[in-house]
Structure formats: C-alpha cells, structure tokens
Amino acid sequence: MVRQNKPLLATARDIESPEQLPEILEQAAELAQYAGRVLLIPKCDAELPSQYWLGYSVPSGHGSTNLVPERFEGRLVHLLGGSPIRQVLLYPQMDVISLDANYAMEVAKHCKAVWSDGARNIWSRESGCYQALEKSLVEQYKYWNCQMEVLLKH
C-alpha cells in the first residue's frame, strides 16, 4: 500500500518489546523508500535511530503508551489519536511536529464538530457530517496556527 500510494507519513508496527526492534527497523527501512517520513511508535523503552520521527499514542479508547512524554525529548513527534484537548495538553511536553485528526473524524460521524478546548457543537444532519468534520479541522488549524505564532514571537 505504501509503495503504491507514496504517503507523506507511514507508520511501522508498534514496538511492544525490545526484541521486536530489529524486525521493525527492517520494516521502517523498507517503508522509508516510499514514504516521506516513517514513524516509529515505541510502547517500551528502546534506543531508536534518529532518522525516524516518533509516534506518541495519545491515551484514548483505542490505545496509549506507558512511556512518559519526557522519554520523547529531543525527537520530532507525531501525536497519534486522542482528543484535541489531550493533544493540546501534551504539546508543551514534547517536540510535536504533526498530529492526526482521528477524533474529529469519529465525532463527525455523528455530525459533531470539536474544538481544541474540547468543546463540541452538534450540527444537524441537514448541515452534514462532512461540514462538521470541516469545521473541526478549521478550528483545530486556527488553534495550532495561533500556537505557532506565539512560539515564533518568543
């Protein structure tokens, strides 16, 4: 799939134990031939090559990591999953370079939009679920863009 679609980001399998590392690094090297960046997703303590970004599993109903955010210090991090409010709380604790919008997609299935402060707005079915997703993404973009402006001023 990665070879065919050449995505900007691709994830190697989660690293659940140090014994898996050689196999997952082999997978990551193969993915790197076709993706812009490869994410390694550590769920255990392991030394990871610096050419890969790290994926941090934000706590949610679908998963999380037991590793503390400080373990990701000095590495570029993509936030995986979790609500926008949880992503916002993690942001100052690590070098976040990107994040996903899975939560926004999930709530949009119910015609809801979500803001980075956790507020939700229910849209009518007539307004459409796609419009709710668009509103979530626009609001989150505005929030993160403001955060970047604040950082650049300091």
Protein backbone atom coordinates (compact mmCIF):
# COMPACT_ATOMS: atom_id res chain seq x y z
CA MET A 1 0.00 0.00 0.00
CA VAL A 2 2.79 2.44 0.90
CA ARG A 3 4.72 1.56 -2.26
CA GLN A 4 1.64 2.27 -4.35
CA ASN A 5 0.42 5.47 -2.64
CA LYS A 6 3.70 7.09 -1.51
CA PRO A 7 2.22 8.83 1.57
CA LEU A 8 3.75 11.75 3.41
CA LEU A 9 3.79 9.68 6.63
CA ALA A 10 3.86 5.93 7.19
CA THR A 11 3.98 4.03 10.46
CA ALA A 12 5.95 0.93 11.21
CA ARG A 13 4.40 -1.57 13.61
CA ASP A 14 4.24 -0.54 17.28
CA ILE A 15 7.34 -1.52 19.24
CA GLU A 16 5.93 -3.52 22.14
CA SER A 17 9.24 -5.10 23.25
CA PRO A 18 12.94 -4.50 22.55
CA GLU A 19 13.16 -7.97 20.94
CA GLN A 20 10.94 -6.74 18.08
CA LEU A 21 13.24 -3.85 17.25
CA PRO A 22 15.37 -5.50 14.50
CA GLU A 23 12.31 -6.66 12.57
CA ILE A 24 10.53 -3.30 12.94
CA LEU A 25 13.62 -1.34 11.90
CA GLU A 26 13.81 -3.53 8.79
CA GLN A 27 10.17 -2.70 8.09
CA ALA A 28 10.84 1.02 8.67
CA ALA A 29 13.77 0.99 6.23
CA GLU A 30 11.56 -0.55 3.56
CA LEU A 31 8.77 1.97 4.22
CA ALA A 32 11.27 4.83 4.02
CA GLN A 33 11.87 4.02 0.35
CA TYR A 34 8.30 5.04 -0.47
CA ALA A 35 7.09 7.45 2.26
CA GLY A 36 8.12 10.99 3.05
CA ARG A 37 8.69 10.11 6.72
CA VAL A 38 8.42 6.96 8.79
CA LEU A 39 7.12 6.96 12.34
CA LEU A 40 8.38 4.53 14.94
CA ILE A 41 5.84 4.01 17.71
CA PRO A 42 7.61 2.96 20.91
CA LYS A 43 5.48 1.33 23.59
CA CYS A 44 8.55 0.16 25.53
CA ASP A 45 11.94 1.62 26.34
CA ALA A 46 14.30 1.13 23.39
CA GLU A 47 17.04 3.09 21.65
CA LEU A 48 15.69 4.22 18.28
CA PRO A 49 17.58 5.58 15.26
CA SER A 50 17.36 9.36 14.91
CA GLN A 51 16.36 9.38 11.23
CA TYR A 52 12.81 8.37 12.19
CA TRP A 53 10.14 10.51 13.76
CA LEU A 54 8.44 9.04 16.80
CA GLY A 55 4.72 8.44 17.17
CA TYR A 56 3.22 9.04 20.60
CA SER A 57 -0.03 7.19 21.25
CA VAL A 58 -2.22 9.74 23.00
CA PRO A 59 -4.41 7.95 25.55
CA SER A 60 -7.80 7.07 24.08
CA GLY A 61 -10.22 4.18 23.88
CA HIS A 62 -8.07 2.72 21.09
CA GLY A 63 -4.70 2.66 22.83
CA SER A 64 -1.93 4.58 24.55
CA THR A 65 1.66 4.22 25.64
CA ASN A 66 3.08 3.71 29.11
CA LEU A 67 6.13 5.81 28.24
CA VAL A 68 6.27 9.29 29.78
CA PRO A 69 6.45 12.25 27.38
CA GLU A 70 9.96 13.08 28.65
CA ARG A 71 11.14 9.84 27.01
CA PHE A 72 10.46 11.53 23.63
CA GLU A 73 12.63 14.55 24.45
CA GLY A 74 14.81 15.81 21.63
CA ARG A 75 12.87 13.88 18.97
CA LEU A 76 10.25 15.06 16.50
CA VAL A 77 6.91 13.57 17.50
CA HIS A 78 3.63 12.88 15.70
CA LEU A 79 0.66 12.62 18.08
CA LEU A 80 -1.43 9.55 17.29
CA GLY A 81 -5.08 9.54 18.27
CA GLY A 82 -6.61 11.08 21.34
CA SER A 83 -8.90 14.05 21.64
CA PRO A 84 -7.79 17.55 20.63
CA ILE A 85 -7.73 18.59 24.30
CA ARG A 86 -5.37 15.72 25.19
CA GLN A 87 -3.19 16.61 22.21
CA VAL A 88 -3.07 20.24 23.40
CA LEU A 89 -2.03 19.16 26.92
CA LEU A 90 0.82 17.03 25.52
CA TYR A 91 2.08 19.67 23.11
CA PRO A 92 4.27 21.63 25.59
CA GLN A 93 5.84 18.39 26.84
CA MET A 94 7.45 17.27 23.57
CA ASP A 95 8.57 18.46 20.13
CA VAL A 96 5.28 17.92 18.29
CA ILE A 97 5.72 18.20 14.53
CA SER A 98 2.34 16.81 13.45
CA LEU A 99 -0.83 15.17 14.74
CA ASP A 100 -3.75 13.19 13.42
CA ALA A 101 -7.42 14.08 13.24
CA ASN A 102 -8.94 10.69 14.03
CA TYR A 103 -11.01 12.10 16.88
CA ALA A 104 -12.51 14.78 14.62
CA MET A 105 -13.41 12.11 12.07
CA GLU A 106 -15.06 9.97 14.75
CA VAL A 107 -17.25 12.76 16.15
CA ALA A 108 -18.11 13.94 12.62
CA LYS A 109 -19.82 10.58 12.04
CA HIS A 110 -22.43 11.93 14.49
CA CYS A 111 -22.49 15.39 12.84
CA LYS A 112 -20.48 16.94 15.67
CA ALA A 113 -17.57 19.34 15.41
CA VAL A 114 -14.88 19.56 18.09
CA TRP A 115 -12.60 22.40 19.12
CA SER A 116 -9.12 22.17 20.65
CA ASP A 117 -10.51 23.21 24.04
CA GLY A 118 -12.72 20.11 23.98
CA ALA A 119 -15.98 21.96 23.25
CA ARG A 120 -18.33 20.20 20.84
CA ASN A 121 -21.00 21.60 18.62
CA ILE A 122 -23.79 19.41 17.30
CA TRP A 123 -24.65 20.03 13.69
CA SER A 124 -27.93 18.99 12.19
CA ARG A 125 -27.97 16.08 9.76
CA GLU A 126 -29.09 18.61 7.14
CA SER A 127 -25.87 20.59 7.72
CA GLY A 128 -23.99 17.40 7.10
CA CYS A 129 -21.31 15.34 8.72
CA TYR A 130 -18.71 16.47 6.18
CA GLN A 131 -19.34 20.08 7.20
CA ALA A 132 -18.88 19.09 10.86
CA LEU A 133 -15.52 17.50 10.02
CA GLU A 134 -14.52 20.57 8.04
CA LYS A 135 -15.44 22.83 10.97
CA SER A 136 -13.40 20.68 13.38
CA LEU A 137 -10.35 20.78 11.14
CA VAL A 138 -10.65 24.53 10.53
CA GLU A 139 -10.99 25.26 14.27
CA GLN A 140 -8.06 23.00 15.14
CA TYR A 141 -5.96 24.59 12.40
CA LYS A 142 -6.73 28.05 13.80
CA TYR A 143 -5.75 26.90 17.29
CA TRP A 144 -2.45 25.33 16.22
CA ASN A 145 -1.63 28.24 13.91
CA CYS A 146 -2.02 30.62 16.88
CA GLN A 147 0.27 28.40 18.96
CA MET A 148 2.94 28.59 16.25
CA GLU A 149 2.64 32.39 16.08
CA VAL A 150 3.15 32.63 19.86
CA LEU A 151 6.25 30.41 19.65
CA LEU A 152 7.72 32.40 16.78
CA LYS A 153 7.33 35.65 18.77
CA HIS A 154 9.42 34.26 21.64
